[in-house]
Amino acid sequence: MSRASYVKYLPEVVSGGLVIVDSTFVEGPYSEQYNLIRLPITDITREILGKPLAANIVALGLVNAAAGLVKDEALEKSILHRAPRGSEELNLQALRLGRSLYEQQDLHG
């Protein structure tokens, strides 16, 4: 989600691989050789949830929606199990926001 991570890890992504960029922090240039999803994840998280720290969970929801790694219910259960006490609902909202961003932006076409 940072420019440094983008620069460091992009060379490891295979052609056609999924790259999710938080455009709050990372500006182009972007290569068309990747399946790129570019959204201001941190800005959206701050605006909707009021807690930019939850952006990592929003990104997790987005990644899972894009890649279909695990069932939504399993991921939610894991979030509830691992989230610090008192932050469970915020983390579930963040996860669902990420999934919703993927669906609303029609990024799955």
C-alpha atoms as a PDB file:
ATOM      1  CA  MET A   1       0.000   0.000   0.000  1.00  0.00           C
ATOM      2  CA  SER A   2       3.053   2.199  -0.075  1.00  0.00           C
ATOM      3  CA  ARG A   3       5.187   3.479  -2.933  1.00  0.00           C
ATOM      4  CA  ALA A   4       8.206   1.640  -1.509  1.00  0.00           C
ATOM      5  CA  SER A   5       6.339  -1.694  -1.487  1.00  0.00           C
ATOM      6  CA  TYR A   6       5.026  -1.086  -4.989  1.00  0.00           C
ATOM      7  CA  VAL A   7       8.532  -0.499  -6.325  1.00  0.00           C
ATOM      8  CA  LYS A   8      10.025  -3.382  -4.337  1.00  0.00           C
ATOM      9  CA  TYR A   9       7.488  -6.104  -5.114  1.00  0.00           C
ATOM     10  CA  LEU A  10       6.173  -5.235  -8.577  1.00  0.00           C
ATOM     11  CA  PRO A  11       9.090  -6.968 -10.349  1.00  0.00           C
ATOM     12  CA  GLU A  12       8.058 -10.227  -8.652  1.00  0.00           C
ATOM     13  CA  VAL A  13       4.554 -10.197 -10.147  1.00  0.00           C
ATOM     14  CA  VAL A  14       4.127 -12.388 -13.202  1.00  0.00           C
ATOM     15  CA  SER A  15       2.660 -10.944 -16.362  1.00  0.00           C
ATOM     16  CA  GLY A  16      -1.120 -10.927 -16.002  1.00  0.00           C
ATOM     17  CA  GLY A  17      -0.840 -11.154 -12.213  1.00  0.00           C
ATOM     18  CA  LEU A  18      -3.098  -9.214  -9.884  1.00  0.00           C
ATOM     19  CA  VAL A  19      -1.717  -5.914  -8.580  1.00  0.00           C
ATOM     20  CA  ILE A  20      -3.792  -3.826  -6.184  1.00  0.00           C
ATOM     21  CA  VAL A  21      -2.593  -0.276  -5.697  1.00  0.00           C
ATOM     22  CA  ASP A  22      -3.714   2.182  -3.031  1.00  0.00           C
ATOM     23  CA  SER A  23      -3.683   5.316  -5.159  1.00  0.00           C
ATOM     24  CA  THR A  24      -3.827   7.382  -1.970  1.00  0.00           C
ATOM     25  CA  PHE A  25      -0.077   6.765  -1.779  1.00  0.00           C
ATOM     26  CA  VAL A  26       1.034   5.300  -5.102  1.00  0.00           C
ATOM     27  CA  GLU A  27       0.914   7.163  -8.375  1.00  0.00           C
ATOM     28  CA  GLY A  28       1.801   5.710 -11.776  1.00  0.00           C
ATOM     29  CA  PRO A  29       3.239   4.913 -14.103  1.00  0.00           C
ATOM     30  CA  TYR A  30       1.341   1.662 -14.216  1.00  0.00           C
ATOM     31  CA  SER A  31       2.157  -1.189 -16.535  1.00  0.00           C
ATOM     32  CA  GLU A  32      -0.591  -2.781 -18.592  1.00  0.00           C
ATOM     33  CA  GLN A  33       1.083  -6.164 -18.292  1.00  0.00           C
ATOM     34  CA  TYR A  34      -0.672  -6.689 -14.941  1.00  0.00           C
ATOM     35  CA  ASN A  35      -4.281  -7.088 -13.895  1.00  0.00           C
ATOM     36  CA  LEU A  36      -4.306  -3.746 -12.088  1.00  0.00           C
ATOM     37  CA  ILE A  37      -6.858  -2.508  -9.572  1.00  0.00           C
ATOM     38  CA  ARG A  38      -6.133   1.077  -8.571  1.00  0.00           C
ATOM     39  CA  LEU A  39      -8.296   2.693  -5.880  1.00  0.00           C
ATOM     40  CA  PRO A  40      -7.684   5.296  -3.149  1.00  0.00           C
ATOM     41  CA  ILE A  41      -8.210   2.642  -0.475  1.00  0.00           C
ATOM     42  CA  THR A  42      -6.977   4.687   2.480  1.00  0.00           C
ATOM     43  CA  ASP A  43      -8.940   7.789   1.484  1.00  0.00           C
ATOM     44  CA  ILE A  44     -12.125   5.738   1.035  1.00  0.00           C
ATOM     45  CA  THR A  45     -11.579   4.006   4.375  1.00  0.00           C
ATOM     46  CA  ARG A  46     -11.074   7.329   6.141  1.00  0.00           C
ATOM     47  CA  GLU A  47     -14.182   8.799   4.511  1.00  0.00           C
ATOM     48  CA  ILE A  48     -16.531   5.862   5.104  1.00  0.00           C
ATOM     49  CA  LEU A  49     -15.252   4.272   8.313  1.00  0.00           C
ATOM     50  CA  GLY A  50     -13.429   7.218   9.857  1.00  0.00           C
ATOM     51  CA  LYS A  51     -10.440   5.014  10.667  1.00  0.00           C
ATOM     52  CA  PRO A  52      -7.698   4.977   8.018  1.00  0.00           C
ATOM     53  CA  LEU A  53      -5.886   2.282   9.998  1.00  0.00           C
ATOM     54  CA  ALA A  54      -8.577  -0.157   8.813  1.00  0.00           C
ATOM     55  CA  ALA A  55      -7.404   0.283   5.205  1.00  0.00           C
ATOM     56  CA  ASN A  56      -5.384  -2.930   5.402  1.00  0.00           C
ATOM     57  CA  ILE A  57      -8.552  -4.914   6.136  1.00  0.00           C
ATOM     58  CA  VAL A  58     -10.388  -3.077   3.348  1.00  0.00           C
ATOM     59  CA  ALA A  59      -7.550  -4.128   1.038  1.00  0.00           C
ATOM     60  CA  LEU A  60      -7.857  -7.711   2.295  1.00  0.00           C
ATOM     61  CA  GLY A  61     -11.554  -7.724   1.408  1.00  0.00           C
ATOM     62  CA  LEU A  62     -10.737  -6.315  -2.011  1.00  0.00           C
ATOM     63  CA  VAL A  63      -8.003  -8.893  -2.638  1.00  0.00           C
ATOM     64  CA  ASN A  64     -10.241 -11.755  -1.596  1.00  0.00           C
ATOM     65  CA  ALA A  65     -13.105 -10.525  -3.766  1.00  0.00           C
ATOM     66  CA  ALA A  66     -10.776 -10.133  -6.744  1.00  0.00           C
ATOM     67  CA  ALA A  67      -8.932 -13.419  -6.347  1.00  0.00           C
ATOM     68  CA  GLY A  68     -11.570 -15.605  -4.681  1.00  0.00           C
ATOM     69  CA  LEU A  69      -9.054 -17.051  -2.249  1.00  0.00           C
ATOM     70  CA  VAL A  70     -11.386 -18.138   0.549  1.00  0.00           C
ATOM     71  CA  LYS A  71     -15.106 -18.087   1.264  1.00  0.00           C
ATOM     72  CA  ASP A  72     -16.363 -14.806   2.695  1.00  0.00           C
ATOM     73  CA  GLU A  73     -17.695 -16.547   5.804  1.00  0.00           C
ATOM     74  CA  ALA A  74     -14.323 -18.145   6.544  1.00  0.00           C
ATOM     75  CA  LEU A  75     -12.522 -14.827   6.208  1.00  0.00           C
ATOM     76  CA  GLU A  76     -15.038 -13.073   8.452  1.00  0.00           C
ATOM     77  CA  LYS A  77     -14.654 -15.805  11.062  1.00  0.00           C
ATOM     78  CA  SER A  78     -10.890 -15.410  10.921  1.00  0.00           C
ATOM     79  CA  ILE A  79     -11.175 -11.628  11.299  1.00  0.00           C
ATOM     80  CA  LEU A  80     -13.407 -12.050  14.352  1.00  0.00           C
ATOM     81  CA  HIS A  81     -10.928 -14.497  15.858  1.00  0.00           C
ATOM     82  CA  ARG A  82      -7.839 -12.316  15.269  1.00  0.00           C
ATOM     83  CA  ALA A  83      -9.159  -8.758  15.688  1.00  0.00           C
ATOM     84  CA  PRO A  84      -8.284  -6.974  18.916  1.00  0.00           C
ATOM     85  CA  ARG A  85     -11.131  -6.932  21.415  1.00  0.00           C
ATOM     86  CA  GLY A  86     -13.460  -4.055  20.687  1.00  0.00           C
ATOM     87  CA  SER A  87     -12.441  -3.721  17.039  1.00  0.00           C
ATOM     88  CA  GLU A  88     -14.330  -6.707  15.683  1.00  0.00           C
ATOM     89  CA  GLU A  89     -17.224  -4.760  14.153  1.00  0.00           C
ATOM     90  CA  LEU A  90     -14.925  -2.157  12.591  1.00  0.00           C
ATOM     91  CA  ASN A  91     -12.830  -4.904  11.029  1.00  0.00           C
ATOM     92  CA  LEU A  92     -15.898  -6.689   9.660  1.00  0.00           C
ATOM     93  CA  GLN A  93     -17.154  -3.406   8.206  1.00  0.00           C
ATOM     94  CA  ALA A  94     -13.735  -2.837   6.639  1.00  0.00           C
ATOM     95  CA  LEU A  95     -13.648  -6.322   5.144  1.00  0.00           C
ATOM     96  CA  ARG A  96     -17.129  -5.888   3.699  1.00  0.00           C
ATOM     97  CA  LEU A  97     -16.215  -2.443   2.378  1.00  0.00           C
ATOM     98  CA  GLY A  98     -13.317  -3.951   0.437  1.00  0.00           C
ATOM     99  CA  ARG A  99     -15.586  -6.587  -1.058  1.00  0.00           C
ATOM    100  CA  SER A 100     -18.149  -3.910  -1.895  1.00  0.00           C
ATOM    101  CA  LEU A 101     -15.542  -1.702  -3.577  1.00  0.00           C
ATOM    102  CA  TYR A 102     -14.620  -4.556  -5.862  1.00  0.00           C
ATOM    103  CA  GLU A 103     -18.248  -5.227  -6.750  1.00  0.00           C
ATOM    104  CA  GLN A 104     -19.301  -1.572  -7.109  1.00  0.00           C
ATOM    105  CA  GLN A 105     -16.406  -0.574  -9.308  1.00  0.00           C
ATOM    106  CA  ASP A 106     -17.141  -3.426 -11.705  1.00  0.00           C
ATOM    107  CA  LEU A 107     -13.513  -4.437 -11.374  1.00  0.00           C
ATOM    108  CA  HIS A 108     -14.312  -8.068 -12.000  1.00  0.00           C
ATOM    109  CA  GLY A 109     -14.875  -7.750 -15.721  1.00  0.00           C
END
